[in-house]
N, C-alpha and C. Protein backbone atom coordinates (compact mmCIF):
# COMPACT_ATOMS: atom_id res chain seq x y z
N MET A 1 7.14 -101.43 51.79
CA MET A 1 7.54 -100.33 52.42
C MET A 1 8.83 -99.63 51.71
N LYS A 2 8.78 -98.41 51.89
CA LYS A 2 9.99 -97.63 51.22
C LYS A 2 10.58 -96.58 52.29
N ARG A 3 11.77 -96.51 52.02
CA ARG A 3 12.48 -95.32 52.93
C ARG A 3 12.98 -94.33 52.00
N ARG A 4 12.65 -92.97 52.06
CA ARG A 4 12.87 -92.03 51.20
C ARG A 4 14.08 -91.21 51.86
N ILE A 5 15.12 -91.12 50.99
CA ILE A 5 16.36 -90.27 51.37
C ILE A 5 16.51 -89.14 50.40
N LYS A 6 16.50 -87.83 50.95
CA LYS A 6 16.72 -86.84 50.02
C LYS A 6 18.27 -86.40 49.85
N ILE A 7 18.77 -86.44 48.76
CA ILE A 7 19.95 -86.11 48.19
C ILE A 7 20.19 -84.68 47.85
N LYS A 8 21.02 -83.90 48.57
CA LYS A 8 21.14 -82.52 48.13
C LYS A 8 21.88 -82.30 46.79
N ARG A 9 22.84 -83.08 46.40
CA ARG A 9 23.55 -82.97 45.15
C ARG A 9 24.23 -84.31 44.88
N LEU A 10 24.38 -84.24 43.32
CA LEU A 10 25.19 -85.45 43.01
C LEU A 10 26.65 -85.17 42.76
N TRP A 11 27.43 -86.23 42.86
CA TRP A 11 28.82 -85.91 42.66
C TRP A 11 29.21 -86.85 41.32
N ASN A 12 29.45 -86.27 40.27
CA ASN A 12 29.84 -87.03 39.01
C ASN A 12 28.64 -88.06 38.70
N GLY A 13 27.45 -87.64 38.85
CA GLY A 13 26.29 -88.62 38.61
C GLY A 13 26.10 -89.63 39.80
N LEU A 14 26.70 -89.50 40.89
CA LEU A 14 26.66 -90.50 41.88
C LEU A 14 25.87 -89.94 43.06
N ALA A 15 25.07 -90.59 43.65
CA ALA A 15 24.33 -90.18 44.96
C ALA A 15 25.01 -91.17 45.99
N SER A 16 25.38 -90.39 47.05
CA SER A 16 26.04 -91.12 48.26
C SER A 16 25.06 -91.25 49.44
N VAL A 17 25.03 -92.58 49.97
CA VAL A 17 24.28 -92.76 51.13
C VAL A 17 25.14 -93.56 52.08
N ARG A 18 24.95 -93.15 53.35
CA ARG A 18 25.54 -93.78 54.43
C ARG A 18 25.36 -95.27 54.52
N ASP A 19 26.39 -96.02 54.96
CA ASP A 19 26.19 -97.42 55.02
C ASP A 19 25.09 -97.91 56.11
N SER A 20 25.02 -97.22 57.17
CA SER A 20 24.00 -97.51 58.26
C SER A 20 22.57 -97.46 57.58
N VAL A 21 22.31 -96.42 56.69
CA VAL A 21 20.91 -96.33 56.14
C VAL A 21 20.76 -97.60 55.25
N LEU A 22 21.71 -97.90 54.42
CA LEU A 22 21.65 -99.10 53.54
C LEU A 22 21.21 -100.39 54.34
N ASN A 23 22.17 -100.44 55.47
CA ASN A 23 22.01 -101.76 56.17
C ASN A 23 20.60 -101.91 56.95
N SER A 24 20.06 -100.61 57.46
CA SER A 24 18.84 -100.65 58.16
C SER A 24 17.74 -100.96 57.13
N CYS A 25 17.77 -100.40 55.98
CA CYS A 25 16.71 -100.71 54.90
C CYS A 25 16.73 -102.13 54.57
N TYR A 26 17.88 -102.78 54.41
CA TYR A 26 17.92 -104.14 54.02
C TYR A 26 17.43 -105.02 55.26
N LYS A 27 17.81 -104.76 56.49
CA LYS A 27 17.24 -105.46 57.51
C LYS A 27 15.69 -105.45 57.72
N GLN A 28 15.19 -104.20 57.43
CA GLN A 28 13.75 -104.06 57.68
C GLN A 28 13.01 -104.35 56.46
N GLY A 29 13.59 -104.86 55.43
CA GLY A 29 12.92 -105.26 54.12
C GLY A 29 12.30 -104.05 53.35
N LYS A 30 12.86 -102.91 53.54
CA LYS A 30 12.34 -101.65 52.85
C LYS A 30 13.24 -101.47 51.39
N ASP A 31 12.53 -100.97 50.64
CA ASP A 31 13.16 -100.35 49.32
C ASP A 31 13.62 -98.96 49.67
N LEU A 32 14.81 -98.60 49.01
CA LEU A 32 15.42 -97.34 49.22
C LEU A 32 15.11 -96.32 48.13
N VAL A 33 14.59 -95.34 48.33
CA VAL A 33 14.22 -94.18 47.30
C VAL A 33 14.95 -93.06 47.57
N LEU A 34 15.82 -92.80 46.47
CA LEU A 34 16.66 -91.54 46.59
C LEU A 34 16.00 -90.42 45.87
N VAL A 35 15.94 -89.18 46.26
CA VAL A 35 15.25 -88.15 45.75
C VAL A 35 16.28 -87.01 45.54
N CYS A 36 16.37 -86.50 44.28
CA CYS A 36 17.22 -85.43 44.08
C CYS A 36 16.68 -84.44 42.83
N ASP A 37 16.63 -83.18 43.27
CA ASP A 37 16.03 -82.26 42.24
C ASP A 37 14.79 -82.69 41.65
N GLY A 38 13.86 -83.18 42.53
CA GLY A 38 12.50 -83.51 42.00
C GLY A 38 12.32 -84.79 41.29
N GLN A 39 13.59 -85.56 41.00
CA GLN A 39 13.53 -86.90 40.36
C GLN A 39 13.79 -87.87 41.56
N GLN A 40 13.40 -89.10 41.26
CA GLN A 40 13.58 -90.20 42.23
C GLN A 40 14.18 -91.44 41.62
N MET A 41 14.95 -92.09 42.29
CA MET A 41 15.40 -93.40 41.91
C MET A 41 15.08 -94.44 43.05
N THR A 42 14.38 -95.57 42.65
CA THR A 42 14.05 -96.62 43.73
C THR A 42 14.95 -97.83 43.33
N ILE A 43 15.59 -98.18 44.59
CA ILE A 43 16.51 -99.39 44.72
C ILE A 43 15.74 -100.43 45.44
N PRO A 44 15.36 -101.58 44.80
CA PRO A 44 14.46 -102.56 45.38
C PRO A 44 15.37 -103.26 46.70
N ASN A 45 14.76 -103.61 47.62
CA ASN A 45 15.34 -104.31 48.72
C ASN A 45 16.35 -105.50 48.36
N ASN A 46 15.82 -106.26 47.33
CA ASN A 46 16.70 -107.32 46.90
C ASN A 46 18.01 -107.00 46.12
N LYS A 47 18.02 -105.80 45.80
CA LYS A 47 19.27 -105.31 45.04
C LYS A 47 20.20 -104.40 45.83
N LEU A 48 19.74 -104.22 47.14
CA LEU A 48 20.58 -103.46 47.98
C LEU A 48 21.92 -103.97 48.39
N LEU A 49 22.12 -105.23 48.43
CA LEU A 49 23.35 -105.81 48.63
C LEU A 49 24.15 -106.30 47.43
N ASP A 50 23.66 -106.06 46.20
CA ASP A 50 24.33 -106.40 45.00
C ASP A 50 25.61 -105.55 44.90
N LYS A 51 26.25 -105.89 43.99
CA LYS A 51 27.55 -105.06 43.71
C LYS A 51 27.55 -104.14 42.71
N SER A 52 26.17 -103.51 42.54
CA SER A 52 26.00 -102.44 41.67
C SER A 52 26.21 -101.05 42.13
N PHE A 53 27.06 -101.00 43.19
CA PHE A 53 27.49 -99.65 43.66
C PHE A 53 28.89 -99.63 44.09
N GLN A 54 29.20 -98.42 44.57
CA GLN A 54 30.72 -98.34 44.94
C GLN A 54 30.76 -98.12 46.41
N ILE A 55 31.63 -98.73 47.08
CA ILE A 55 31.85 -98.43 48.57
C ILE A 55 33.01 -97.77 48.75
N SER A 56 32.96 -96.69 49.48
CA SER A 56 34.14 -95.82 49.82
C SER A 56 35.07 -96.54 50.83
N SER A 57 36.28 -96.72 50.55
CA SER A 57 37.18 -97.31 51.51
C SER A 57 37.55 -96.42 52.70
N LYS A 58 37.25 -95.08 52.54
CA LYS A 58 37.44 -94.22 53.51
C LYS A 58 36.34 -94.13 54.68
N SER A 59 36.69 -94.07 55.87
CA SER A 59 35.66 -94.07 56.98
C SER A 59 35.72 -92.60 57.48
N PHE A 60 34.46 -92.00 57.57
CA PHE A 60 34.22 -90.78 57.93
C PHE A 60 33.97 -90.58 59.43
N THR A 61 34.21 -89.68 60.17
CA THR A 61 34.05 -89.42 61.50
C THR A 61 32.74 -88.50 61.59
N SER A 62 31.76 -88.73 62.42
CA SER A 62 30.64 -87.98 62.49
C SER A 62 30.88 -86.72 63.19
N ARG A 63 30.09 -85.63 62.95
CA ARG A 63 30.52 -84.30 63.49
C ARG A 63 29.75 -84.30 64.94
N TYR A 64 29.07 -85.27 65.24
CA TYR A 64 28.16 -85.21 66.53
C TYR A 64 28.98 -86.18 67.56
N PRO A 65 29.11 -85.70 68.86
CA PRO A 65 29.88 -86.52 69.67
C PRO A 65 29.18 -87.89 69.95
N ASN A 66 29.81 -88.94 70.21
CA ASN A 66 29.53 -90.16 70.53
C ASN A 66 28.69 -90.95 69.41
N SER A 67 28.89 -90.39 68.27
CA SER A 67 28.26 -91.01 67.03
C SER A 67 29.31 -91.95 66.36
N PRO A 68 28.93 -93.09 65.80
CA PRO A 68 29.87 -93.89 65.12
C PRO A 68 30.31 -93.33 63.79
N SER A 69 31.41 -93.91 63.37
CA SER A 69 31.96 -93.48 62.08
C SER A 69 31.17 -94.16 61.02
N TYR A 70 31.28 -93.80 59.85
CA TYR A 70 30.44 -94.36 58.69
C TYR A 70 31.36 -94.23 57.38
N SER A 71 30.83 -95.25 56.51
CA SER A 71 31.39 -95.17 55.22
C SER A 71 30.21 -94.67 54.21
N LEU A 72 30.53 -94.24 53.04
CA LEU A 72 29.57 -93.76 52.02
C LEU A 72 29.51 -94.76 51.04
N ILE A 73 28.33 -95.13 50.49
CA ILE A 73 28.13 -96.02 49.30
C ILE A 73 27.46 -95.12 48.24
N ASP A 74 27.94 -95.22 47.04
CA ASP A 74 27.64 -94.30 45.87
C ASP A 74 26.95 -95.16 44.92
N PHE A 75 25.67 -94.65 44.54
CA PHE A 75 25.00 -95.33 43.59
C PHE A 75 24.79 -94.32 42.35
N LYS A 76 25.04 -94.94 41.13
CA LYS A 76 24.81 -94.07 39.95
C LYS A 76 23.29 -93.83 39.76
N PHE A 77 23.01 -92.36 39.89
CA PHE A 77 21.75 -92.06 40.02
C PHE A 77 21.02 -92.01 38.64
N THR A 78 20.13 -92.90 38.46
CA THR A 78 19.31 -93.05 37.32
C THR A 78 17.93 -93.01 37.59
N PRO A 79 17.24 -91.83 37.28
CA PRO A 79 15.81 -91.62 37.70
C PRO A 79 14.88 -92.71 37.26
N ASP A 80 13.86 -92.98 38.01
CA ASP A 80 12.70 -93.98 37.46
C ASP A 80 12.09 -93.44 36.33
N ALA A 81 11.67 -94.25 35.46
CA ALA A 81 10.98 -93.82 34.17
C ALA A 81 9.50 -93.28 34.63
């Protein structure tokens, strides 16, 4: 199974994903598919917890009331062949 996430834009070649999305994909055994500008990048479930990404040390506050804060995890966007 896969979970598709649409990324609006890249920042310096990096695609940012919330930590809660990454954790839920890992726990459910799903691969993560990032889609940006018609291209997609698949991250297999067994690679989700590897150190092949950057974790932001800053915690962000959700704009919705009673929602937990979150961190962003950045992946270098390399489209599937």
